[in-house]
Amino acid sequence: WMESQNLAQWIPGTFRKPDARLHISNAISSRTSYVVIHQSTSTIAAIFALNASDPFDQMLWAPLLGEDNWRDALYVHRLVVEKAFQGRGIVPRILKFTEDLVPKMGKVFLRLDCRGNNPGLRKFYGEKCRG
């Protein structure tokens, strides 16, 4: 679906690789992964991860912002909405939830994991952030 919408963020099969599975498993065990449950059906509607000091974010952001400045943000990763729940306003609510956590976690910014050379996803996120 993402590719058909010009939102190619992940290469198909990426999350089946052992290192990616380990990273996700660590995010679950460290309680930085979130699951959004649709109350009336008890169905998983969305998932996402929040990082406050992950080495992956340091690798991505420190060269751009400086060794300390990248730490000013809370990072949203692996935001996925189940197809049946797309278009129901879940993403703006997730982003509001995460935005409210920024000062509580001593951060200044909220950053969404998105490749800079991915105009489709950047536009999508921009629409949802204004949502």
C-alpha atoms as a PDB file:
ATOM      1  CA  TRP A   1       0.000   0.000   0.000  1.00  0.00           C
ATOM      2  CA  MET A   2       2.767   2.448   0.904  1.00  0.00           C
ATOM      3  CA  GLU A   3       4.497   2.010  -2.429  1.00  0.00           C
ATOM      4  CA  SER A   4       1.210   2.455  -4.322  1.00  0.00           C
ATOM      5  CA  GLN A   5       0.769   5.789  -2.497  1.00  0.00           C
ATOM      6  CA  ASN A   6       4.335   6.915  -3.266  1.00  0.00           C
ATOM      7  CA  LEU A   7       5.172   6.588   0.439  1.00  0.00           C
ATOM      8  CA  ALA A   8       8.112   4.202   0.035  1.00  0.00           C
ATOM      9  CA  GLN A   9       9.726   4.439   3.457  1.00  0.00           C
ATOM     10  CA  TRP A  10      10.570   0.813   4.107  1.00  0.00           C
ATOM     11  CA  ILE A  11      11.979  -1.763   1.754  1.00  0.00           C
ATOM     12  CA  PRO A  12       9.655  -4.802   1.748  1.00  0.00           C
ATOM     13  CA  GLY A  13      11.046  -7.497   4.029  1.00  0.00           C
ATOM     14  CA  THR A  14      13.116  -5.077   6.120  1.00  0.00           C
ATOM     15  CA  PHE A  15      11.460  -6.063   9.388  1.00  0.00           C
ATOM     16  CA  ARG A  16      12.045  -9.764   8.769  1.00  0.00           C
ATOM     17  CA  LYS A  17      15.816  -9.329   8.993  1.00  0.00           C
ATOM     18  CA  PRO A  18      17.381 -10.552  12.274  1.00  0.00           C
ATOM     19  CA  ASP A  19      18.917  -7.185  13.216  1.00  0.00           C
ATOM     20  CA  ALA A  20      15.618  -5.366  12.608  1.00  0.00           C
ATOM     21  CA  ARG A  21      13.679  -7.981  14.571  1.00  0.00           C
ATOM     22  CA  LEU A  22      16.151  -7.632  17.462  1.00  0.00           C
ATOM     23  CA  HIS A  23      15.794  -3.840  17.396  1.00  0.00           C
ATOM     24  CA  ILE A  24      11.982  -4.123  17.494  1.00  0.00           C
ATOM     25  CA  SER A  25      12.139  -6.767  20.212  1.00  0.00           C
ATOM     26  CA  ASN A  26      14.344  -4.437  22.282  1.00  0.00           C
ATOM     27  CA  ALA A  27      11.870  -1.575  21.735  1.00  0.00           C
ATOM     28  CA  ILE A  28       9.059  -3.787  23.013  1.00  0.00           C
ATOM     29  CA  SER A  29      10.989  -4.966  26.067  1.00  0.00           C
ATOM     30  CA  SER A  30      12.115  -1.415  26.883  1.00  0.00           C
ATOM     31  CA  ARG A  31       8.469  -0.283  26.664  1.00  0.00           C
ATOM     32  CA  THR A  32       9.079   2.287  23.917  1.00  0.00           C
ATOM     33  CA  SER A  33       6.649   0.607  21.503  1.00  0.00           C
ATOM     34  CA  TYR A  34       2.967   1.477  21.637  1.00  0.00           C
ATOM     35  CA  VAL A  35      -0.105  -0.366  20.438  1.00  0.00           C
ATOM     36  CA  VAL A  36      -3.383   1.447  19.735  1.00  0.00           C
ATOM     37  CA  ILE A  37      -6.365  -0.824  20.349  1.00  0.00           C
ATOM     38  CA  HIS A  38      -9.775  -0.126  18.843  1.00  0.00           C
ATOM     39  CA  GLN A  39     -11.936  -0.432  21.949  1.00  0.00           C
ATOM     40  CA  SER A  40     -15.146  -1.852  20.536  1.00  0.00           C
ATOM     41  CA  THR A  41     -13.436  -4.589  18.488  1.00  0.00           C
ATOM     42  CA  SER A  42     -10.250  -5.122  20.571  1.00  0.00           C
ATOM     43  CA  THR A  43      -8.357  -4.956  17.275  1.00  0.00           C
ATOM     44  CA  ILE A  44      -4.888  -3.493  16.877  1.00  0.00           C
ATOM     45  CA  ALA A  45      -5.512  -0.261  14.954  1.00  0.00           C
ATOM     46  CA  ALA A  46      -1.971   1.150  14.965  1.00  0.00           C
ATOM     47  CA  ILE A  47       1.515   0.720  16.340  1.00  0.00           C
ATOM     48  CA  PHE A  48       4.425   3.103  16.774  1.00  0.00           C
ATOM     49  CA  ALA A  49       7.646   3.515  18.704  1.00  0.00           C
ATOM     50  CA  LEU A  50       9.013   6.488  20.628  1.00  0.00           C
ATOM     51  CA  ASN A  51      12.716   7.001  21.158  1.00  0.00           C
ATOM     52  CA  ALA A  52      14.245   9.545  23.490  1.00  0.00           C
ATOM     53  CA  SER A  53      17.898   8.475  23.372  1.00  0.00           C
ATOM     54  CA  ASP A  54      18.267   5.660  20.873  1.00  0.00           C
ATOM     55  CA  PRO A  55      21.685   5.036  19.240  1.00  0.00           C
ATOM     56  CA  PHE A  56      19.929   4.840  15.849  1.00  0.00           C
ATOM     57  CA  ASP A  57      18.693   8.421  16.220  1.00  0.00           C
ATOM     58  CA  GLN A  58      22.141   9.515  17.356  1.00  0.00           C
ATOM     59  CA  MET A  59      23.626   7.961  14.213  1.00  0.00           C
ATOM     60  CA  LEU A  60      21.070   9.763  12.004  1.00  0.00           C
ATOM     61  CA  TRP A  61      20.822  13.128  13.694  1.00  0.00           C
ATOM     62  CA  ALA A  62      24.133  13.887  15.449  1.00  0.00           C
ATOM     63  CA  PRO A  63      25.972  14.573  12.159  1.00  0.00           C
ATOM     64  CA  LEU A  64      23.265  17.085  11.214  1.00  0.00           C
ATOM     65  CA  LEU A  65      22.576  18.716  14.577  1.00  0.00           C
ATOM     66  CA  GLY A  66      25.672  18.136  16.649  1.00  0.00           C
ATOM     67  CA  GLU A  67      26.577  15.512  19.181  1.00  0.00           C
ATOM     68  CA  ASP A  68      24.345  16.991  21.889  1.00  0.00           C
ATOM     69  CA  ASN A  69      21.606  18.843  19.974  1.00  0.00           C
ATOM     70  CA  TRP A  70      19.981  15.693  18.588  1.00  0.00           C
ATOM     71  CA  ARG A  71      19.032  14.812  22.184  1.00  0.00           C
ATOM     72  CA  ASP A  72      16.486  17.690  22.340  1.00  0.00           C
ATOM     73  CA  ALA A  73      13.831  15.623  20.550  1.00  0.00           C
ATOM     74  CA  LEU A  74      11.473  12.736  21.014  1.00  0.00           C
ATOM     75  CA  TYR A  75      11.474  10.571  17.871  1.00  0.00           C
ATOM     76  CA  VAL A  76       8.478   8.748  16.370  1.00  0.00           C
ATOM     77  CA  HIS A  77       9.424   5.557  14.533  1.00  0.00           C
ATOM     78  CA  ARG A  78       7.590   2.724  12.772  1.00  0.00           C
ATOM     79  CA  LEU A  79       4.185   4.424  12.779  1.00  0.00           C
ATOM     80  CA  VAL A  80       1.793   1.991  11.115  1.00  0.00           C
ATOM     81  CA  VAL A  81      -2.006   2.102  10.899  1.00  0.00           C
ATOM     82  CA  GLU A  82      -3.972  -1.028  10.033  1.00  0.00           C
ATOM     83  CA  LYS A  83      -5.645  -0.529   6.668  1.00  0.00           C
ATOM     84  CA  ALA A  84      -9.165  -0.923   8.079  1.00  0.00           C
ATOM     85  CA  PHE A  85      -8.509   2.043  10.398  1.00  0.00           C
ATOM     86  CA  GLN A  86      -6.855   4.400   7.936  1.00  0.00           C
ATOM     87  CA  GLY A  87      -8.603   7.723   7.388  1.00  0.00           C
ATOM     88  CA  ARG A  88     -10.227   7.713  10.834  1.00  0.00           C
ATOM     89  CA  GLY A  89      -8.005  10.345  12.424  1.00  0.00           C
ATOM     90  CA  ILE A  90      -5.739   7.961  14.324  1.00  0.00           C
ATOM     91  CA  VAL A  91      -2.477   9.535  13.146  1.00  0.00           C
ATOM     92  CA  PRO A  92      -3.343  13.079  14.342  1.00  0.00           C
ATOM     93  CA  ARG A  93      -4.344  11.629  17.733  1.00  0.00           C
ATOM     94  CA  ILE A  94      -1.097   9.659  17.963  1.00  0.00           C
ATOM     95  CA  LEU A  95       0.902  12.752  17.073  1.00  0.00           C
ATOM     96  CA  LYS A  96      -1.005  14.810  19.664  1.00  0.00           C
ATOM     97  CA  PHE A  97      -0.291  12.121  22.287  1.00  0.00           C
ATOM     98  CA  THR A  98       3.412  12.121  21.399  1.00  0.00           C
ATOM     99  CA  GLU A  99       3.563  15.920  21.239  1.00  0.00           C
ATOM    100  CA  ASP A 100       2.138  16.098  24.772  1.00  0.00           C
ATOM    101  CA  LEU A 101       4.934  13.798  25.971  1.00  0.00           C
ATOM    102  CA  VAL A 102       7.721  16.042  24.644  1.00  0.00           C
ATOM    103  CA  PRO A 103       7.924  18.454  27.620  1.00  0.00           C
ATOM    104  CA  LYS A 104       7.138  15.680  30.117  1.00  0.00           C
ATOM    105  CA  MET A 105      10.236  13.865  28.894  1.00  0.00           C
ATOM    106  CA  GLY A 106      12.370  17.008  29.047  1.00  0.00           C
ATOM    107  CA  LYS A 107      12.510  17.386  25.274  1.00  0.00           C
ATOM    108  CA  VAL A 108      11.908  20.397  23.008  1.00  0.00           C
ATOM    109  CA  PHE A 109      11.060  18.859  19.633  1.00  0.00           C
ATOM    110  CA  LEU A 110       9.088  15.984  18.148  1.00  0.00           C
ATOM    111  CA  ARG A 111      10.668  14.419  15.081  1.00  0.00           C
ATOM    112  CA  LEU A 112       9.037  11.931  12.757  1.00  0.00           C
ATOM    113  CA  ASP A 113      11.174   9.224  11.206  1.00  0.00           C
ATOM    114  CA  CYS A 114      11.029   9.937   7.492  1.00  0.00           C
ATOM    115  CA  ARG A 115      13.627   9.864   4.776  1.00  0.00           C
ATOM    116  CA  GLY A 116      14.445  13.330   3.503  1.00  0.00           C
ATOM    117  CA  ASN A 117      14.253  12.107  -0.079  1.00  0.00           C
ATOM    118  CA  ASN A 118      10.706  10.793   0.356  1.00  0.00           C
ATOM    119  CA  PRO A 119       8.429  13.656  -0.765  1.00  0.00           C
ATOM    120  CA  GLY A 120       5.286  11.510  -0.658  1.00  0.00           C
ATOM    121  CA  LEU A 121       5.701  10.588   2.994  1.00  0.00           C
ATOM    122  CA  ARG A 122       6.849  14.082   3.963  1.00  0.00           C
ATOM    123  CA  LYS A 123       3.664  15.479   2.392  1.00  0.00           C
ATOM    124  CA  PHE A 124       1.578  12.794   4.138  1.00  0.00           C
ATOM    125  CA  TYR A 125       3.112  13.598   7.527  1.00  0.00           C
ATOM    126  CA  GLY A 126       2.691  17.319   6.896  1.00  0.00           C
ATOM    127  CA  GLU A 127      -1.023  16.852   6.243  1.00  0.00           C
ATOM    128  CA  LYS A 128      -1.443  14.689   9.345  1.00  0.00           C
ATOM    129  CA  CYS A 129       0.506  17.106  11.549  1.00  0.00           C
ATOM    130  CA  ARG A 130      -1.777  19.955  10.522  1.00  0.00           C
ATOM    131  CA  GLY A 131      -4.749  17.530  10.760  1.00  0.00           C
END
